[in-house]
Amino acid sequence: MDEAPDRGEEFVAAGLASLGIEADELELGVIAGVHTVFGPAIRQIVEFDTSLIVPERDLDLSQAPPEEEPA
């Protein structure tokens, strides 16, 4: 992991202010806590490489996925 400082608080406060939303320290603290809990998992999802996954053709979401054959 890189050692860059986390500027999430500044980013969130500025983003909310740009939308005209005022957030007090408690609300920003809750947002920071949620970011601390869920941030690493969200980063893993975003960084997940899907380039080797073959997309399903003729996908029918009303049916269960086919069973994978054992390797």
N, C-alpha and C. Protein backbone atom coordinates (compact mmCIF):
# COMPACT_ATOMS: atom_id res chain seq x y z
N MET A 1 0.83 -1.17 0.00
CA MET A 1 0.00 0.00 0.00
C MET A 1 0.88 1.24 0.00
N ASP A 2 0.44 2.27 -0.67
CA ASP A 2 1.26 3.47 -0.72
C ASP A 2 1.14 4.25 0.59
N GLU A 3 2.11 5.09 0.85
CA GLU A 3 2.16 5.85 2.09
C GLU A 3 1.60 7.27 1.92
N ALA A 4 0.85 7.53 0.86
CA ALA A 4 0.27 8.85 0.63
C ALA A 4 -0.78 9.13 1.69
N PRO A 5 -0.85 10.37 2.16
CA PRO A 5 -1.86 10.68 3.17
C PRO A 5 -3.26 10.57 2.59
N ASP A 6 -4.20 10.14 3.42
CA ASP A 6 -5.58 10.01 2.99
C ASP A 6 -6.25 11.38 3.09
N ARG A 7 -6.64 11.90 1.98
CA ARG A 7 -7.28 13.22 1.96
C ARG A 7 -8.78 13.10 1.79
N GLY A 8 -9.32 11.98 2.21
CA GLY A 8 -10.75 11.73 2.08
C GLY A 8 -11.60 12.77 2.78
N GLU A 9 -11.18 13.18 3.98
CA GLU A 9 -11.98 14.16 4.72
C GLU A 9 -12.09 15.47 3.95
N GLU A 10 -10.98 15.93 3.41
CA GLU A 10 -11.00 17.17 2.64
C GLU A 10 -11.86 17.02 1.39
N PHE A 11 -11.73 15.88 0.73
CA PHE A 11 -12.48 15.63 -0.50
C PHE A 11 -13.98 15.59 -0.22
N VAL A 12 -14.38 14.86 0.81
CA VAL A 12 -15.80 14.73 1.14
C VAL A 12 -16.38 16.08 1.56
N ALA A 13 -15.68 16.80 2.42
CA ALA A 13 -16.17 18.10 2.87
C ALA A 13 -16.32 19.06 1.70
N ALA A 14 -15.33 19.08 0.80
CA ALA A 14 -15.40 19.97 -0.36
C ALA A 14 -16.51 19.55 -1.31
N GLY A 15 -16.68 18.25 -1.50
CA GLY A 15 -17.75 17.76 -2.37
C GLY A 15 -19.13 18.11 -1.84
N LEU A 16 -19.32 17.91 -0.55
CA LEU A 16 -20.61 18.26 0.05
C LEU A 16 -20.85 19.77 -0.03
N ALA A 17 -19.82 20.55 0.24
CA ALA A 17 -19.96 22.01 0.18
C ALA A 17 -20.29 22.47 -1.24
N SER A 18 -19.72 21.81 -2.25
CA SER A 18 -20.02 22.19 -3.64
C SER A 18 -21.48 21.92 -4.00
N LEU A 19 -22.10 20.98 -3.28
CA LEU A 19 -23.52 20.69 -3.50
C LEU A 19 -24.42 21.51 -2.58
N GLY A 20 -23.82 22.36 -1.77
CA GLY A 20 -24.59 23.18 -0.85
C GLY A 20 -25.03 22.45 0.40
N ILE A 21 -24.37 21.36 0.72
CA ILE A 21 -24.71 20.55 1.90
C ILE A 21 -23.71 20.86 2.99
N GLU A 22 -24.22 21.30 4.12
CA GLU A 22 -23.34 21.57 5.26
C GLU A 22 -23.28 20.33 6.14
N ALA A 23 -22.07 19.89 6.46
CA ALA A 23 -21.88 18.73 7.33
C ALA A 23 -21.05 19.16 8.52
N ASP A 24 -21.53 18.79 9.71
CA ASP A 24 -20.77 19.15 10.91
C ASP A 24 -19.72 18.07 11.18
N GLU A 25 -18.95 18.26 12.23
CA GLU A 25 -17.86 17.34 12.55
C GLU A 25 -18.36 15.93 12.83
N LEU A 26 -19.52 15.81 13.46
CA LEU A 26 -20.07 14.48 13.76
C LEU A 26 -20.40 13.74 12.46
N GLU A 27 -21.06 14.41 11.53
CA GLU A 27 -21.41 13.78 10.26
C GLU A 27 -20.16 13.40 9.47
N LEU A 28 -19.17 14.28 9.45
CA LEU A 28 -17.93 13.97 8.76
C LEU A 28 -17.20 12.81 9.45
N GLY A 29 -17.33 12.72 10.76
CA GLY A 29 -16.73 11.60 11.51
C GLY A 29 -17.39 10.28 11.16
N VAL A 30 -18.70 10.28 11.00
CA VAL A 30 -19.43 9.06 10.62
C VAL A 30 -19.00 8.64 9.22
N ILE A 31 -18.91 9.60 8.30
CA ILE A 31 -18.47 9.30 6.94
C ILE A 31 -17.05 8.71 6.97
N ALA A 32 -16.16 9.28 7.78
CA ALA A 32 -14.79 8.78 7.89
C ALA A 32 -14.79 7.35 8.45
N GLY A 33 -15.65 7.08 9.43
CA GLY A 33 -15.73 5.74 10.01
C GLY A 33 -16.21 4.71 9.00
N VAL A 34 -17.21 5.07 8.22
CA VAL A 34 -17.72 4.17 7.18
C VAL A 34 -16.63 3.92 6.14
N HIS A 35 -15.92 4.96 5.79
CA HIS A 35 -14.82 4.83 4.83
C HIS A 35 -13.74 3.90 5.37
N THR A 36 -13.44 3.99 6.65
CA THR A 36 -12.43 3.14 7.27
C THR A 36 -12.86 1.67 7.24
N VAL A 37 -14.14 1.42 7.48
CA VAL A 37 -14.64 0.04 7.52
C VAL A 37 -14.76 -0.55 6.11
N PHE A 38 -15.38 0.18 5.20
CA PHE A 38 -15.69 -0.37 3.88
C PHE A 38 -14.69 0.00 2.79
N GLY A 39 -13.84 0.99 3.03
CA GLY A 39 -12.90 1.46 2.01
C GLY A 39 -12.00 0.38 1.43
N PRO A 40 -11.33 -0.43 2.27
CA PRO A 40 -10.43 -1.46 1.72
C PRO A 40 -11.15 -2.46 0.82
N ALA A 41 -12.34 -2.90 1.21
CA ALA A 41 -13.08 -3.86 0.38
C ALA A 41 -13.52 -3.21 -0.94
N ILE A 42 -13.93 -1.95 -0.88
CA ILE A 42 -14.33 -1.25 -2.10
C ILE A 42 -13.13 -1.11 -3.03
N ARG A 43 -11.95 -0.78 -2.47
CA ARG A 43 -10.75 -0.67 -3.30
C ARG A 43 -10.41 -2.01 -3.96
N GLN A 44 -10.58 -3.12 -3.25
CA GLN A 44 -10.32 -4.44 -3.83
C GLN A 44 -11.26 -4.72 -5.00
N ILE A 45 -12.52 -4.36 -4.86
CA ILE A 45 -13.48 -4.56 -5.94
C ILE A 45 -13.11 -3.72 -7.15
N VAL A 46 -12.75 -2.46 -6.92
CA VAL A 46 -12.40 -1.57 -8.02
C VAL A 46 -11.14 -2.05 -8.74
N GLU A 47 -10.18 -2.60 -7.99
CA GLU A 47 -8.92 -3.04 -8.58
C GLU A 47 -8.97 -4.44 -9.17
N PHE A 48 -10.09 -5.15 -8.99
CA PHE A 48 -10.22 -6.53 -9.46
C PHE A 48 -10.10 -6.58 -10.98
N ASP A 49 -9.21 -7.43 -11.48
CA ASP A 49 -8.97 -7.54 -12.92
C ASP A 49 -9.96 -8.52 -13.53
N THR A 50 -10.85 -8.02 -14.36
CA THR A 50 -11.85 -8.88 -15.01
C THR A 50 -11.49 -9.20 -16.45
N SER A 51 -10.28 -8.86 -16.87
CA SER A 51 -9.91 -9.04 -18.27
C SER A 51 -9.86 -10.50 -18.70
N LEU A 52 -9.68 -11.42 -17.78
CA LEU A 52 -9.60 -12.84 -18.14
C LEU A 52 -10.94 -13.56 -18.01
N ILE A 53 -11.97 -12.88 -17.58
CA ILE A 53 -13.28 -13.50 -17.41
C ILE A 53 -14.02 -13.46 -18.74
N VAL A 54 -14.50 -14.61 -19.15
CA VAL A 54 -15.23 -14.71 -20.41
C VAL A 54 -16.69 -14.35 -20.14
N PRO A 55 -17.22 -13.35 -20.86
CA PRO A 55 -18.61 -12.97 -20.62
C PRO A 55 -19.58 -14.05 -21.12
N GLU A 56 -20.70 -14.18 -20.45
CA GLU A 56 -21.71 -15.15 -20.86
C GLU A 56 -22.45 -14.61 -22.07
N ARG A 57 -22.70 -15.47 -23.02
CA ARG A 57 -23.46 -15.10 -24.20
C ARG A 57 -24.90 -15.54 -24.02
N ASP A 58 -25.82 -14.81 -24.58
CA ASP A 58 -27.25 -15.14 -24.49
C ASP A 58 -27.68 -15.32 -23.04
N LEU A 59 -27.28 -14.39 -22.21
CA LEU A 59 -27.56 -14.45 -20.78
C LEU A 59 -29.06 -14.38 -20.53
N ASP A 60 -29.59 -15.31 -19.76
CA ASP A 60 -31.00 -15.34 -19.39
C ASP A 60 -31.07 -15.27 -17.87
N LEU A 61 -31.37 -14.08 -17.33
CA LEU A 61 -31.37 -13.90 -15.88
C LEU A 61 -32.53 -14.59 -15.18
N SER A 62 -33.48 -15.14 -15.95
CA SER A 62 -34.59 -15.85 -15.32
C SER A 62 -34.21 -17.30 -15.02
N GLN A 63 -33.02 -17.72 -15.47
CA GLN A 63 -32.55 -19.09 -15.26
C GLN A 63 -31.35 -19.10 -14.33
N ALA A 64 -31.19 -20.18 -13.60
CA ALA A 64 -30.01 -20.35 -12.75
C ALA A 64 -28.78 -20.50 -13.64
N PRO A 65 -27.61 -20.06 -13.16
CA PRO A 65 -26.41 -20.23 -13.98
C PRO A 65 -26.09 -21.71 -14.16
N PRO A 66 -25.48 -22.05 -15.30
CA PRO A 66 -25.14 -23.47 -15.52
C PRO A 66 -24.07 -23.92 -14.54
N GLU A 67 -24.11 -25.18 -14.21
CA GLU A 67 -23.11 -25.76 -13.31
C GLU A 67 -21.78 -25.78 -14.04
N GLU A 68 -20.71 -25.39 -13.35
CA GLU A 68 -19.39 -25.45 -13.96
C GLU A 68 -18.89 -26.88 -13.90
N GLU A 69 -18.21 -27.29 -14.98
CA GLU A 69 -17.66 -28.64 -15.03
C GLU A 69 -16.36 -28.66 -14.22
N PRO A 70 -16.12 -29.73 -13.45
CA PRO A 70 -14.88 -29.81 -12.67
C PRO A 70 -13.67 -29.81 -13.60
N ALA A 71 -12.61 -29.17 -13.14
CA ALA A 71 -11.39 -29.08 -13.96
C ALA A 71 -10.59 -30.34 -13.91
